[in-house]
Amino acid sequence: MLGDVSVTRVIEWTGRIRTVADMVPDSTPAGRAALGPPFRDPADDGYRCAIQTWVLRSVGRTILVDTGAGNDRDRPQIPTFDHLQTPFLENLARAGVRPEDVDVVVNTHVHYDHVGWNTRYDDGHWVPTFPNATYVIPRVDHDYFDPVNEHRRPAPVTDADRLRRRGSHLVFGDSVRPVVQAGLVTLWEDRYVIDRNLSLEPAPGHTPGSSVLRLRSKGDRALFVGDILHSPVQIAEPDANSCFCEDAGAARTTRRRLLAEAAEERTLVVPAHFPGHGAAEVRARGDGYEITRWAGFRPVGESAPAERG
């Protein structure tokens, strides 16, 4: 519990993707070497990742923060998740949530591993997974990733660029457009208030419309920061962007601003992809920050995390 809000962590997938050096190319060798086993394989610098959904229950409603990668999808840009099959909906049920129970779905940004379970494949069509929910999506990201606005984005140069662009079109087509067409989407700008405990605000850089969800209730504070942080090395080295940050300067500015606030106000920082304990409090140290306390969430979908990292 954080104030009046209950927080449940539901795992879709955990495993290795690339290396930490690939994932956070601006990070230093010393910073990477300091990472513990939940986040990095010391034998080969393997980056360990969790794809998960945060289930919030607030003011009588059920809110999902990000919806993972999803099953059955064409993902040529990232073969690990191409036609993925996971028991995510079963894990959600173990957390006491049926699809029809969900009132609000928050997509912090429009990347494949944050919008996937917006929809499910049914009889040849992509249909909303959560039929009674309002899907809350940043307008800036919606418009940026909508293929009809392709001319506004930088032209792909390499074959890898073209593959990623094709992949983003597939993501929009199977995970965003169907919920828009179903009339379930609210596009927001500037700030969006969910209820007295929860609100959304822009946090640009990783994508143009990246956002964070702010929780304030009875003196407790948390920031669900999406992909502002991919790895704890970015806490120690806030200028280290991930390889997926689209605006390097804005991403660094956003990361430093949020970490400074979290350190000053003792706000729990809840990234989208941290395995292990999943969330932490931080304090300033030198030119960066350090973790002072892990939250210790016990995730639904895997065994309890080890006390290390």
C-alpha atoms as a PDB file:
ATOM      1  CA  MET A   1       0.000   0.000   0.000  1.00  0.00           C
ATOM      2  CA  LEU A   2       1.111   3.523  -0.806  1.00  0.00           C
ATOM      3  CA  GLY A   3      -1.317   5.701   1.098  1.00  0.00           C
ATOM      4  CA  ASP A   4      -4.773   4.649  -0.082  1.00  0.00           C
ATOM      5  CA  VAL A   5      -3.442   3.045  -3.280  1.00  0.00           C
ATOM      6  CA  SER A   6      -2.624  -0.642  -3.523  1.00  0.00           C
ATOM      7  CA  VAL A   7       0.162  -1.556  -5.958  1.00  0.00           C
ATOM      8  CA  THR A   8       0.553  -5.024  -7.472  1.00  0.00           C
ATOM      9  CA  ARG A   9       3.330  -6.003  -9.853  1.00  0.00           C
ATOM     10  CA  VAL A  10       2.330  -8.486 -12.583  1.00  0.00           C
ATOM     11  CA  ILE A  11       5.113 -10.042 -14.650  1.00  0.00           C
ATOM     12  CA  GLU A  12       4.717 -10.812 -18.337  1.00  0.00           C
ATOM     13  CA  TRP A  13       8.296 -11.834 -19.184  1.00  0.00           C
ATOM     14  CA  THR A  14      11.781 -11.786 -17.684  1.00  0.00           C
ATOM     15  CA  GLY A  15      15.046 -12.582 -19.381  1.00  0.00           C
ATOM     16  CA  ARG A  16      18.078 -11.292 -21.184  1.00  0.00           C
ATOM     17  CA  ILE A  17      18.064  -8.717 -23.983  1.00  0.00           C
ATOM     18  CA  ARG A  18      21.386  -7.641 -25.518  1.00  0.00           C
ATOM     19  CA  THR A  19      24.113  -6.478 -23.122  1.00  0.00           C
ATOM     20  CA  VAL A  20      24.092  -3.573 -20.699  1.00  0.00           C
ATOM     21  CA  ALA A  21      26.683  -1.831 -22.919  1.00  0.00           C
ATOM     22  CA  ASP A  22      24.314  -2.209 -25.900  1.00  0.00           C
ATOM     23  CA  MET A  23      21.272  -1.158 -23.925  1.00  0.00           C
ATOM     24  CA  VAL A  24      22.852   1.847 -22.192  1.00  0.00           C
ATOM     25  CA  PRO A  25      25.704   2.780 -24.527  1.00  0.00           C
ATOM     26  CA  ASP A  26      26.520   6.013 -22.673  1.00  0.00           C
ATOM     27  CA  SER A  27      27.244   4.145 -19.434  1.00  0.00           C
ATOM     28  CA  THR A  28      30.789   3.561 -18.180  1.00  0.00           C
ATOM     29  CA  PRO A  29      32.456   0.142 -17.751  1.00  0.00           C
ATOM     30  CA  ALA A  30      32.805   0.846 -14.018  1.00  0.00           C
ATOM     31  CA  GLY A  31      29.121   1.735 -13.724  1.00  0.00           C
ATOM     32  CA  ARG A  32      28.073  -1.441 -15.513  1.00  0.00           C
ATOM     33  CA  ALA A  33      30.415  -3.612 -13.448  1.00  0.00           C
ATOM     34  CA  ALA A  34      28.799  -2.303 -10.253  1.00  0.00           C
ATOM     35  CA  LEU A  35      25.417  -3.792 -11.207  1.00  0.00           C
ATOM     36  CA  GLY A  36      24.339  -6.879  -9.312  1.00  0.00           C
ATOM     37  CA  PRO A  37      23.062 -10.173 -10.779  1.00  0.00           C
ATOM     38  CA  PRO A  38      19.365  -9.244 -10.984  1.00  0.00           C
ATOM     39  CA  PHE A  39      20.283  -6.590 -13.561  1.00  0.00           C
ATOM     40  CA  ARG A  40      23.449  -7.845 -15.236  1.00  0.00           C
ATOM     41  CA  ASP A  41      25.180 -11.154 -15.917  1.00  0.00           C
ATOM     42  CA  PRO A  42      28.780 -10.478 -14.872  1.00  0.00           C
ATOM     43  CA  ALA A  43      30.087 -13.241 -17.150  1.00  0.00           C
ATOM     44  CA  ASP A  44      29.201 -11.415 -20.372  1.00  0.00           C
ATOM     45  CA  ASP A  45      27.508  -8.099 -19.427  1.00  0.00           C
ATOM     46  CA  GLY A  46      24.085  -9.521 -20.292  1.00  0.00           C
ATOM     47  CA  TYR A  47      21.240  -7.057 -19.642  1.00  0.00           C
ATOM     48  CA  ARG A  48      18.425  -8.612 -17.645  1.00  0.00           C
ATOM     49  CA  CYS A  49      14.972  -7.169 -18.084  1.00  0.00           C
ATOM     50  CA  ALA A  50      11.444  -7.532 -16.743  1.00  0.00           C
ATOM     51  CA  ILE A  51       8.394  -6.689 -18.800  1.00  0.00           C
ATOM     52  CA  GLN A  52       5.605  -6.057 -16.346  1.00  0.00           C
ATOM     53  CA  THR A  53       2.389  -4.235 -15.595  1.00  0.00           C
ATOM     54  CA  TRP A  54       1.718  -2.266 -12.438  1.00  0.00           C
ATOM     55  CA  VAL A  55      -1.841  -2.749 -11.167  1.00  0.00           C
ATOM     56  CA  LEU A  56      -3.092   0.147  -9.071  1.00  0.00           C
ATOM     57  CA  ARG A  57      -6.335   0.139  -7.125  1.00  0.00           C
ATOM     58  CA  SER A  58      -7.382   3.663  -6.245  1.00  0.00           C
ATOM     59  CA  VAL A  59     -10.708   5.302  -5.346  1.00  0.00           C
ATOM     60  CA  GLY A  60     -12.595   2.122  -6.191  1.00  0.00           C
ATOM     61  CA  ARG A  61     -11.079   1.695  -9.661  1.00  0.00           C
ATOM     62  CA  THR A  62      -8.498  -0.641 -11.200  1.00  0.00           C
ATOM     63  CA  ILE A  63      -5.740   1.018 -13.220  1.00  0.00           C
ATOM     64  CA  LEU A  64      -3.070  -0.729 -15.311  1.00  0.00           C
ATOM     65  CA  VAL A  65       0.217   1.073 -15.940  1.00  0.00           C
ATOM     66  CA  ASP A  66       1.623  -0.205 -19.263  1.00  0.00           C
ATOM     67  CA  THR A  67       0.526  -3.450 -20.866  1.00  0.00           C
ATOM     68  CA  GLY A  68       3.694  -5.249 -21.919  1.00  0.00           C
ATOM     69  CA  ALA A  69       4.541  -6.871 -25.240  1.00  0.00           C
ATOM     70  CA  GLY A  70       1.460  -9.029 -25.893  1.00  0.00           C
ATOM     71  CA  ASN A  71       0.998 -12.408 -27.546  1.00  0.00           C
ATOM     72  CA  ASP A  72       0.741 -13.400 -31.215  1.00  0.00           C
ATOM     73  CA  ARG A  73       2.357 -10.273 -32.734  1.00  0.00           C
ATOM     74  CA  ASP A  74       4.634  -9.789 -35.715  1.00  0.00           C
ATOM     75  CA  ARG A  75       7.751  -8.169 -34.266  1.00  0.00           C
ATOM     76  CA  PRO A  76      10.502  -8.499 -36.876  1.00  0.00           C
ATOM     77  CA  GLN A  77      12.416  -5.640 -35.250  1.00  0.00           C
ATOM     78  CA  ILE A  78      12.924  -7.649 -32.036  1.00  0.00           C
ATOM     79  CA  PRO A  79      12.854 -11.428 -32.628  1.00  0.00           C
ATOM     80  CA  THR A  80      12.706 -12.285 -28.912  1.00  0.00           C
ATOM     81  CA  PHE A  81       9.124 -10.997 -28.849  1.00  0.00           C
ATOM     82  CA  ASP A  82       8.035 -12.114 -32.304  1.00  0.00           C
ATOM     83  CA  HIS A  83       4.860 -14.197 -31.804  1.00  0.00           C
ATOM     84  CA  LEU A  84       5.485 -14.252 -28.073  1.00  0.00           C
ATOM     85  CA  GLN A  85       3.363 -16.533 -25.920  1.00  0.00           C
ATOM     86  CA  THR A  86       3.095 -15.831 -22.186  1.00  0.00           C
ATOM     87  CA  PRO A  87       0.462 -16.489 -19.491  1.00  0.00           C
ATOM     88  CA  PHE A  88       0.063 -12.766 -18.814  1.00  0.00           C
ATOM     89  CA  LEU A  89      -3.730 -12.815 -18.550  1.00  0.00           C
ATOM     90  CA  GLU A  90      -3.502 -15.773 -16.196  1.00  0.00           C
ATOM     91  CA  ASN A  91      -0.987 -13.859 -14.087  1.00  0.00           C
ATOM     92  CA  LEU A  92      -3.336 -10.884 -14.078  1.00  0.00           C
ATOM     93  CA  ALA A  93      -6.134 -13.187 -12.893  1.00  0.00           C
ATOM     94  CA  ARG A  94      -3.881 -14.416 -10.076  1.00  0.00           C
ATOM     95  CA  ALA A  95      -3.654 -10.779  -9.010  1.00  0.00           C
ATOM     96  CA  GLY A  96      -7.464 -10.698  -8.865  1.00  0.00           C
ATOM     97  CA  VAL A  97      -7.988  -8.794 -12.121  1.00  0.00           C
ATOM     98  CA  ARG A  98     -10.206  -9.951 -14.977  1.00  0.00           C
ATOM     99  CA  PRO A  99     -10.037  -7.996 -18.250  1.00  0.00           C
ATOM    100  CA  GLU A 100     -13.555  -6.668 -17.764  1.00  0.00           C
ATOM    101  CA  ASP A 101     -12.597  -5.334 -14.288  1.00  0.00           C
ATOM    102  CA  VAL A 102     -10.082  -2.802 -15.613  1.00  0.00           C
ATOM    103  CA  ASP A 103     -11.251   0.809 -15.556  1.00  0.00           C
ATOM    104  CA  VAL A 104      -8.174   2.669 -16.852  1.00  0.00           C
ATOM    105  CA  VAL A 105      -5.205   1.600 -18.971  1.00  0.00           C
ATOM    106  CA  VAL A 106      -2.214   3.943 -18.924  1.00  0.00           C
ATOM    107  CA  ASN A 107       0.333   3.702 -21.730  1.00  0.00           C
ATOM    108  CA  THR A 108       3.300   5.771 -20.548  1.00  0.00           C
ATOM    109  CA  HIS A 109       4.496   5.867 -24.164  1.00  0.00           C
ATOM    110  CA  VAL A 110       3.901   4.101 -27.470  1.00  0.00           C
ATOM    111  CA  HIS A 111       6.608   1.433 -27.659  1.00  0.00           C
ATOM    112  CA  TYR A 112       5.909  -2.247 -28.363  1.00  0.00           C
ATOM    113  CA  ASP A 113       6.595  -3.397 -24.781  1.00  0.00           C
ATOM    114  CA  HIS A 114       4.204  -0.873 -23.218  1.00  0.00           C
ATOM    115  CA  VAL A 115       1.088  -1.239 -25.390  1.00  0.00           C
ATOM    116  CA  GLY A 116       1.048  -4.925 -26.354  1.00  0.00           C
ATOM    117  CA  TRP A 117      -1.803  -6.206 -24.215  1.00  0.00           C
ATOM    118  CA  ASN A 118      -3.985  -3.247 -25.183  1.00  0.00           C
ATOM    119  CA  THR A 119      -5.430  -5.783 -27.587  1.00  0.00           C
ATOM    120  CA  ARG A 120      -5.735  -9.519 -28.123  1.00  0.00           C
ATOM    121  CA  TYR A 121      -6.133 -11.568 -31.291  1.00  0.00           C
ATOM    122  CA  ASP A 122      -9.644 -12.939 -31.736  1.00  0.00           C
ATOM    123  CA  ASP A 123     -10.980 -14.668 -34.842  1.00  0.00           C
ATOM    124  CA  GLY A 124      -8.688 -12.824 -37.229  1.00  0.00           C
ATOM    125  CA  HIS A 125      -9.003  -9.400 -35.610  1.00  0.00           C
ATOM    126  CA  TRP A 126      -7.262  -7.339 -32.941  1.00  0.00           C
ATOM    127  CA  VAL A 127      -9.828  -6.428 -30.300  1.00  0.00           C
ATOM    128  CA  PRO A 128      -9.491  -4.497 -27.015  1.00  0.00           C
ATOM    129  CA  THR A 129      -8.333  -6.747 -24.183  1.00  0.00           C
ATOM    130  CA  PHE A 130      -9.974  -4.505 -21.579  1.00  0.00           C
ATOM    131  CA  PRO A 131     -13.362  -3.673 -23.075  1.00  0.00           C
ATOM    132  CA  ASN A 132     -14.628  -1.485 -20.234  1.00  0.00           C
ATOM    133  CA  ALA A 133     -11.465   0.581 -19.806  1.00  0.00           C
ATOM    134  CA  THR A 134     -10.492   4.066 -20.855  1.00  0.00           C
ATOM    135  CA  TYR A 135      -7.098   3.843 -22.548  1.00  0.00           C
ATOM    136  CA  VAL A 136      -5.075   6.946 -21.681  1.00  0.00           C
ATOM    137  CA  ILE A 137      -2.346   7.675 -24.260  1.00  0.00           C
ATOM    138  CA  PRO A 138      -0.135  10.772 -24.671  1.00  0.00           C
ATOM    139  CA  ARG A 139      -1.372  12.643 -27.734  1.00  0.00           C
ATOM    140  CA  VAL A 140       2.180  13.554 -28.773  1.00  0.00           C
ATOM    141  CA  ASP A 141       3.211   9.898 -28.978  1.00  0.00           C
ATOM    142  CA  HIS A 142      -0.024   8.842 -30.657  1.00  0.00           C
ATOM    143  CA  ASP A 143       0.452  11.405 -33.391  1.00  0.00           C
ATOM    144  CA  TYR A 144       4.191  10.779 -33.726  1.00  0.00           C
ATOM    145  CA  PHE A 145       3.859   7.012 -34.196  1.00  0.00           C
ATOM    146  CA  ASP A 146       0.699   7.059 -36.326  1.00  0.00           C
ATOM    147  CA  PRO A 147       1.870   5.993 -39.812  1.00  0.00           C
ATOM    148  CA  VAL A 148      -0.292   8.712 -41.401  1.00  0.00           C
ATOM    149  CA  ASN A 149       2.214  11.197 -39.954  1.00  0.00           C
ATOM    150  CA  GLU A 150       5.247   9.334 -41.264  1.00  0.00           C
ATOM    151  CA  HIS A 151       6.435  12.436 -43.091  1.00  0.00           C
ATOM    152  CA  ARG A 152       7.021  14.194 -39.753  1.00  0.00           C
ATOM    153  CA  ARG A 153       9.604  11.653 -38.588  1.00  0.00           C
ATOM    154  CA  PRO A 154      13.266  11.479 -39.633  1.00  0.00           C
ATOM    155  CA  ALA A 155      13.681   9.323 -42.728  1.00  0.00           C
ATOM    156  CA  PRO A 156      15.253   5.907 -42.026  1.00  0.00           C
ATOM    157  CA  VAL A 157      18.801   5.644 -43.345  1.00  0.00           C
ATOM    158  CA  THR A 158      20.027   2.102 -42.696  1.00  0.00           C
ATOM    159  CA  ASP A 159      18.359  -1.283 -43.114  1.00  0.00           C
ATOM    160  CA  ALA A 160      18.121  -1.462 -39.311  1.00  0.00           C
ATOM    161  CA  ASP A 161      16.331   1.903 -39.308  1.00  0.00           C
ATOM    162  CA  ARG A 162      13.880   0.667 -41.911  1.00  0.00           C
ATOM    163  CA  LEU A 163      13.212  -2.524 -39.918  1.00  0.00           C
ATOM    164  CA  ARG A 164      12.515  -0.505 -36.763  1.00  0.00           C
ATOM    165  CA  ARG A 165      10.201   1.790 -38.697  1.00  0.00           C
ATOM    166  CA  ARG A 166       8.263  -1.159 -40.100  1.00  0.00           C
ATOM    167  CA  GLY A 167       8.069  -2.534 -36.576  1.00  0.00           C
ATOM    168  CA  SER A 168       6.644   0.704 -35.180  1.00  0.00           C
ATOM    169  CA  HIS A 169       3.945   0.645 -37.878  1.00  0.00           C
ATOM    170  CA  LEU A 170       3.021  -2.904 -36.866  1.00  0.00           C
ATOM    171  CA  VAL A 171       2.837  -1.883 -33.196  1.00  0.00           C
ATOM    172  CA  PHE A 172       0.512   0.992 -33.970  1.00  0.00           C
ATOM    173  CA  GLY A 173      -1.635  -1.192 -36.202  1.00  0.00           C
ATOM    174  CA  ASP A 174      -2.177  -4.087 -33.814  1.00  0.00           C
ATOM    175  CA  SER A 175      -1.965  -2.398 -30.395  1.00  0.00           C
ATOM    176  CA  VAL A 176      -3.050   1.238 -30.726  1.00  0.00           C
ATOM    177  CA  ARG A 177      -5.348   1.766 -33.717  1.00  0.00           C
ATOM    178  CA  PRO A 178      -7.859  -0.953 -32.655  1.00  0.00           C
ATOM    179  CA  VAL A 179      -8.545   0.693 -29.280  1.00  0.00           C
ATOM    180  CA  VAL A 180      -8.809   4.102 -30.959  1.00  0.00           C
ATOM    181  CA  GLN A 181     -11.320   2.719 -33.452  1.00  0.00           C
ATOM    182  CA  ALA A 182     -13.274   1.144 -30.593  1.00  0.00           C
ATOM    183  CA  GLY A 183     -13.728   4.602 -29.060  1.00  0.00           C
ATOM    184  CA  LEU A 184     -11.875   3.685 -25.876  1.00  0.00           C
ATOM    185  CA  VAL A 185      -8.950   6.117 -26.080  1.00  0.00           C
ATOM    186  CA  THR A 186      -8.438   9.457 -24.364  1.00  0.00           C
ATOM    187  CA  LEU A 187      -5.518  11.427 -25.797  1.00  0.00           C
ATOM    188  CA  TRP A 188      -4.060  13.864 -23.290  1.00  0.00           C
ATOM    189  CA  GLU A 189      -1.622  16.772 -23.263  1.00  0.00           C
ATOM    190  CA  ASP A 190       0.054  18.877 -20.552  1.00  0.00           C
ATOM    191  CA  ARG A 191      -1.397  16.953 -17.577  1.00  0.00           C
ATOM    192  CA  TYR A 192      -4.053  14.337 -16.997  1.00  0.00           C
ATOM    193  CA  VAL A 193      -5.713  13.709 -13.624  1.00  0.00           C
ATOM    194  CA  ILE A 194      -6.923  10.159 -13.049  1.00  0.00           C
ATOM    195  CA  ASP A 195      -8.190  10.724  -9.504  1.00  0.00           C
ATOM    196  CA  ARG A 196      -7.182  12.458  -6.275  1.00  0.00           C
ATOM    197  CA  ASN A 197      -4.177  10.122  -5.896  1.00  0.00           C
ATOM    198  CA  LEU A 198      -2.909   9.706  -9.457  1.00  0.00           C
ATOM    199  CA  SER A 199      -1.972  12.013 -12.321  1.00  0.00           C
ATOM    200  CA  LEU A 200       0.063  11.931 -15.528  1.00  0.00           C
ATOM    201  CA  GLU A 201       2.551  14.488 -16.798  1.00  0.00           C
ATOM    202  CA  PRO A 202       4.947  14.754 -19.754  1.00  0.00           C
ATOM    203  CA  ALA A 203       8.502  13.429 -19.454  1.00  0.00           C
ATOM    204  CA  PRO A 204       9.851  13.772 -23.014  1.00  0.00           C
ATOM    205  CA  GLY A 205      13.064  12.417 -24.440  1.00  0.00           C
ATOM    206  CA  HIS A 206      12.801   8.645 -24.564  1.00  0.00           C
ATOM    207  CA  THR A 207       9.955   9.284 -26.992  1.00  0.00           C
ATOM    208  CA  PRO A 208       8.457  12.689 -27.807  1.00  0.00           C
ATOM    209  CA  GLY A 209       5.407  11.938 -25.675  1.00  0.00           C
ATOM    210  CA  SER A 210       6.914   9.870 -22.868  1.00  0.00           C
ATOM    211  CA  SER A 211       5.101  10.426 -19.589  1.00  0.00           C
ATOM    212  CA  VAL A 212       5.267   9.556 -15.911  1.00  0.00           C
ATOM    213  CA  LEU A 213       2.479   8.658 -13.537  1.00  0.00           C
ATOM    214  CA  ARG A 214       2.642  10.467 -10.205  1.00  0.00           C
ATOM    215  CA  LEU A 215       1.160   8.901  -7.043  1.00  0.00           C
ATOM    216  CA  ARG A 216       0.555  11.052  -3.981  1.00  0.00           C
ATOM    217  CA  SER A 217      -1.569   9.691  -1.165  1.00  0.00           C
ATOM    218  CA  LYS A 218      -1.460  10.267   2.609  1.00  0.00           C
ATOM    219  CA  GLY A 219       2.167  11.380   2.532  1.00  0.00           C
ATOM    220  CA  ASP A 220       3.377   8.524   0.320  1.00  0.00           C
ATOM    221  CA  ARG A 221       4.854   9.374  -3.065  1.00  0.00           C
ATOM    222  CA  ALA A 222       5.834   7.342  -6.112  1.00  0.00           C
ATOM    223  CA  LEU A 223       6.812   8.058  -9.704  1.00  0.00           C
ATOM    224  CA  PHE A 224       6.094   5.388 -12.305  1.00  0.00           C
ATOM    225  CA  VAL A 225       8.744   6.512 -14.773  1.00  0.00           C
ATOM    226  CA  GLY A 226       8.305   4.114 -17.703  1.00  0.00           C
ATOM    227  CA  ASP A 227      11.521   3.960 -19.724  1.00  0.00           C
ATOM    228  CA  ILE A 228      13.165   7.053 -18.257  1.00  0.00           C
ATOM    229  CA  LEU A 229      15.287   4.367 -16.561  1.00  0.00           C
ATOM    230  CA  HIS A 230      16.106   1.020 -18.155  1.00  0.00           C
ATOM    231  CA  SER A 231      18.879   0.050 -15.731  1.00  0.00           C
ATOM    232  CA  PRO A 232      20.132   1.120 -12.280  1.00  0.00           C
ATOM    233  CA  VAL A 233      23.360   2.257 -13.949  1.00  0.00           C
ATOM    234  CA  GLN A 234      21.341   5.284 -15.116  1.00  0.00           C
ATOM    235  CA  ILE A 235      20.695   6.228 -11.485  1.00  0.00           C
ATOM    236  CA  ALA A 236      24.423   6.445 -10.792  1.00  0.00           C
ATOM    237  CA  GLU A 237      25.040   7.968 -14.237  1.00  0.00           C
ATOM    238  CA  PRO A 238      21.966  10.076 -15.122  1.00  0.00           C
ATOM    239  CA  ASP A 239      23.420  11.294 -18.408  1.00  0.00           C
ATOM    240  CA  ALA A 240      23.578   7.730 -19.745  1.00  0.00           C
ATOM    241  CA  ASN A 241      20.722   7.267 -22.201  1.00  0.00           C
ATOM    242  CA  SER A 242      19.350   3.982 -23.442  1.00  0.00           C
ATOM    243  CA  CYS A 243      19.836   3.045 -27.084  1.00  0.00           C
ATOM    244  CA  PHE A 244      16.110   3.714 -27.615  1.00  0.00           C
ATOM    245  CA  CYS A 245      16.020   7.343 -26.442  1.00  0.00           C
ATOM    246  CA  GLU A 246      14.907   9.421 -29.421  1.00  0.00           C
ATOM    247  CA  ASP A 247      15.964  12.857 -28.136  1.00  0.00           C
ATOM    248  CA  ALA A 248      19.214  12.449 -26.200  1.00  0.00           C
ATOM    249  CA  GLY A 249      19.277  15.925 -24.679  1.00  0.00           C
ATOM    250  CA  ALA A 250      15.659  15.906 -23.556  1.00  0.00           C
ATOM    251  CA  ALA A 251      16.006  12.397 -22.122  1.00  0.00           C
ATOM    252  CA  ARG A 252      18.968  13.455 -19.957  1.00  0.00           C
ATOM    253  CA  THR A 253      17.177  16.592 -18.776  1.00  0.00           C
ATOM    254  CA  THR A 254      14.039  14.630 -17.861  1.00  0.00           C
ATOM    255  CA  ARG A 255      15.999  11.908 -16.063  1.00  0.00           C
ATOM    256  CA  ARG A 256      17.979  14.394 -13.980  1.00  0.00           C
ATOM    257  CA  ARG A 257      14.860  16.388 -13.113  1.00  0.00           C
ATOM    258  CA  LEU A 258      12.929  13.356 -11.916  1.00  0.00           C
ATOM    259  CA  LEU A 259      15.812  11.828  -9.964  1.00  0.00           C
ATOM    260  CA  ALA A 260      16.486  15.168  -8.252  1.00  0.00           C
ATOM    261  CA  GLU A 261      12.840  15.390  -7.234  1.00  0.00           C
ATOM    262  CA  ALA A 262      12.770  11.782  -6.045  1.00  0.00           C
ATOM    263  CA  ALA A 263      15.881  12.290  -3.930  1.00  0.00           C
ATOM    264  CA  GLU A 264      14.629  15.524  -2.387  1.00  0.00           C
ATOM    265  CA  GLU A 265      11.123  14.287  -1.595  1.00  0.00           C
ATOM    266  CA  ARG A 266      11.944  10.616  -0.834  1.00  0.00           C
ATOM    267  CA  THR A 267       9.728   9.531  -3.692  1.00  0.00           C
ATOM    268  CA  LEU A 268       9.700   5.870  -4.679  1.00  0.00           C
ATOM    269  CA  VAL A 269      11.019   5.482  -8.252  1.00  0.00           C
ATOM    270  CA  VAL A 270       9.188   2.745 -10.182  1.00  0.00           C
ATOM    271  CA  PRO A 271      10.745   1.984 -13.605  1.00  0.00           C
ATOM    272  CA  ALA A 272       9.038  -0.198 -16.179  1.00  0.00           C
ATOM    273  CA  HIS A 273      11.741  -2.841 -16.607  1.00  0.00           C
ATOM    274  CA  PHE A 274      13.697  -3.357 -13.389  1.00  0.00           C
ATOM    275  CA  PRO A 275      13.784  -7.016 -12.327  1.00  0.00           C
ATOM    276  CA  GLY A 276      14.715  -7.899  -8.743  1.00  0.00           C
ATOM    277  CA  HIS A 277      12.808  -5.688  -6.320  1.00  0.00           C
ATOM    278  CA  GLY A 278      11.462  -3.452  -9.054  1.00  0.00           C
ATOM    279  CA  ALA A 279      11.492  -0.020  -7.385  1.00  0.00           C
ATOM    280  CA  ALA A 280      13.721   2.038  -5.111  1.00  0.00           C
ATOM    281  CA  GLU A 281      14.304   5.235  -3.175  1.00  0.00           C
ATOM    282  CA  VAL A 282      17.368   7.283  -4.120  1.00  0.00           C
ATOM    283  CA  ARG A 283      19.612  10.033  -2.778  1.00  0.00           C
ATOM    284  CA  ALA A 284      22.145  12.340  -4.385  1.00  0.00           C
ATOM    285  CA  ARG A 285      25.751  11.188  -4.580  1.00  0.00           C
ATOM    286  CA  GLY A 286      28.380  13.186  -6.429  1.00  0.00           C
ATOM    287  CA  ASP A 287      27.148  13.965  -9.930  1.00  0.00           C
ATOM    288  CA  GLY A 288      24.560  11.214  -9.773  1.00  0.00           C
ATOM    289  CA  TYR A 289      22.412   9.262  -7.354  1.00  0.00           C
ATOM    290  CA  GLU A 290      22.478   6.041  -5.402  1.00  0.00           C
ATOM    291  CA  ILE A 291      19.831   3.628  -4.184  1.00  0.00           C
ATOM    292  CA  THR A 292      19.067   3.840  -0.474  1.00  0.00           C
ATOM    293  CA  ARG A 293      16.237   1.315  -0.193  1.00  0.00           C
ATOM    294  CA  TRP A 294      14.602  -1.257  -2.404  1.00  0.00           C
ATOM    295  CA  ALA A 295      10.825  -1.535  -2.278  1.00  0.00           C
ATOM    296  CA  GLY A 296      10.806  -5.324  -2.283  1.00  0.00           C
ATOM    297  CA  PHE A 297       7.723  -6.001  -4.396  1.00  0.00           C
ATOM    298  CA  ARG A 298       6.868  -9.704  -4.691  1.00  0.00           C
ATOM    299  CA  PRO A 299       5.824 -10.045  -8.329  1.00  0.00           C
ATOM    300  CA  VAL A 300       2.889 -12.071  -9.549  1.00  0.00           C
ATOM    301  CA  GLY A 301       4.231 -14.373 -12.249  1.00  0.00           C
ATOM    302  CA  GLU A 302       7.591 -15.447 -10.805  1.00  0.00           C
ATOM    303  CA  SER A 303       9.203 -16.338  -7.496  1.00  0.00           C
ATOM    304  CA  ALA A 304      10.191 -13.702  -4.957  1.00  0.00           C
ATOM    305  CA  PRO A 305      13.297 -11.710  -5.908  1.00  0.00           C
ATOM    306  CA  ALA A 306      16.647 -12.330  -4.264  1.00  0.00           C
ATOM    307  CA  GLU A 307      17.930  -9.758  -1.774  1.00  0.00           C
ATOM    308  CA  ARG A 308      20.790  -8.394  -3.852  1.00  0.00           C
ATOM    309  CA  GLY A 309      21.626  -5.845  -6.489  1.00  0.00           C
END
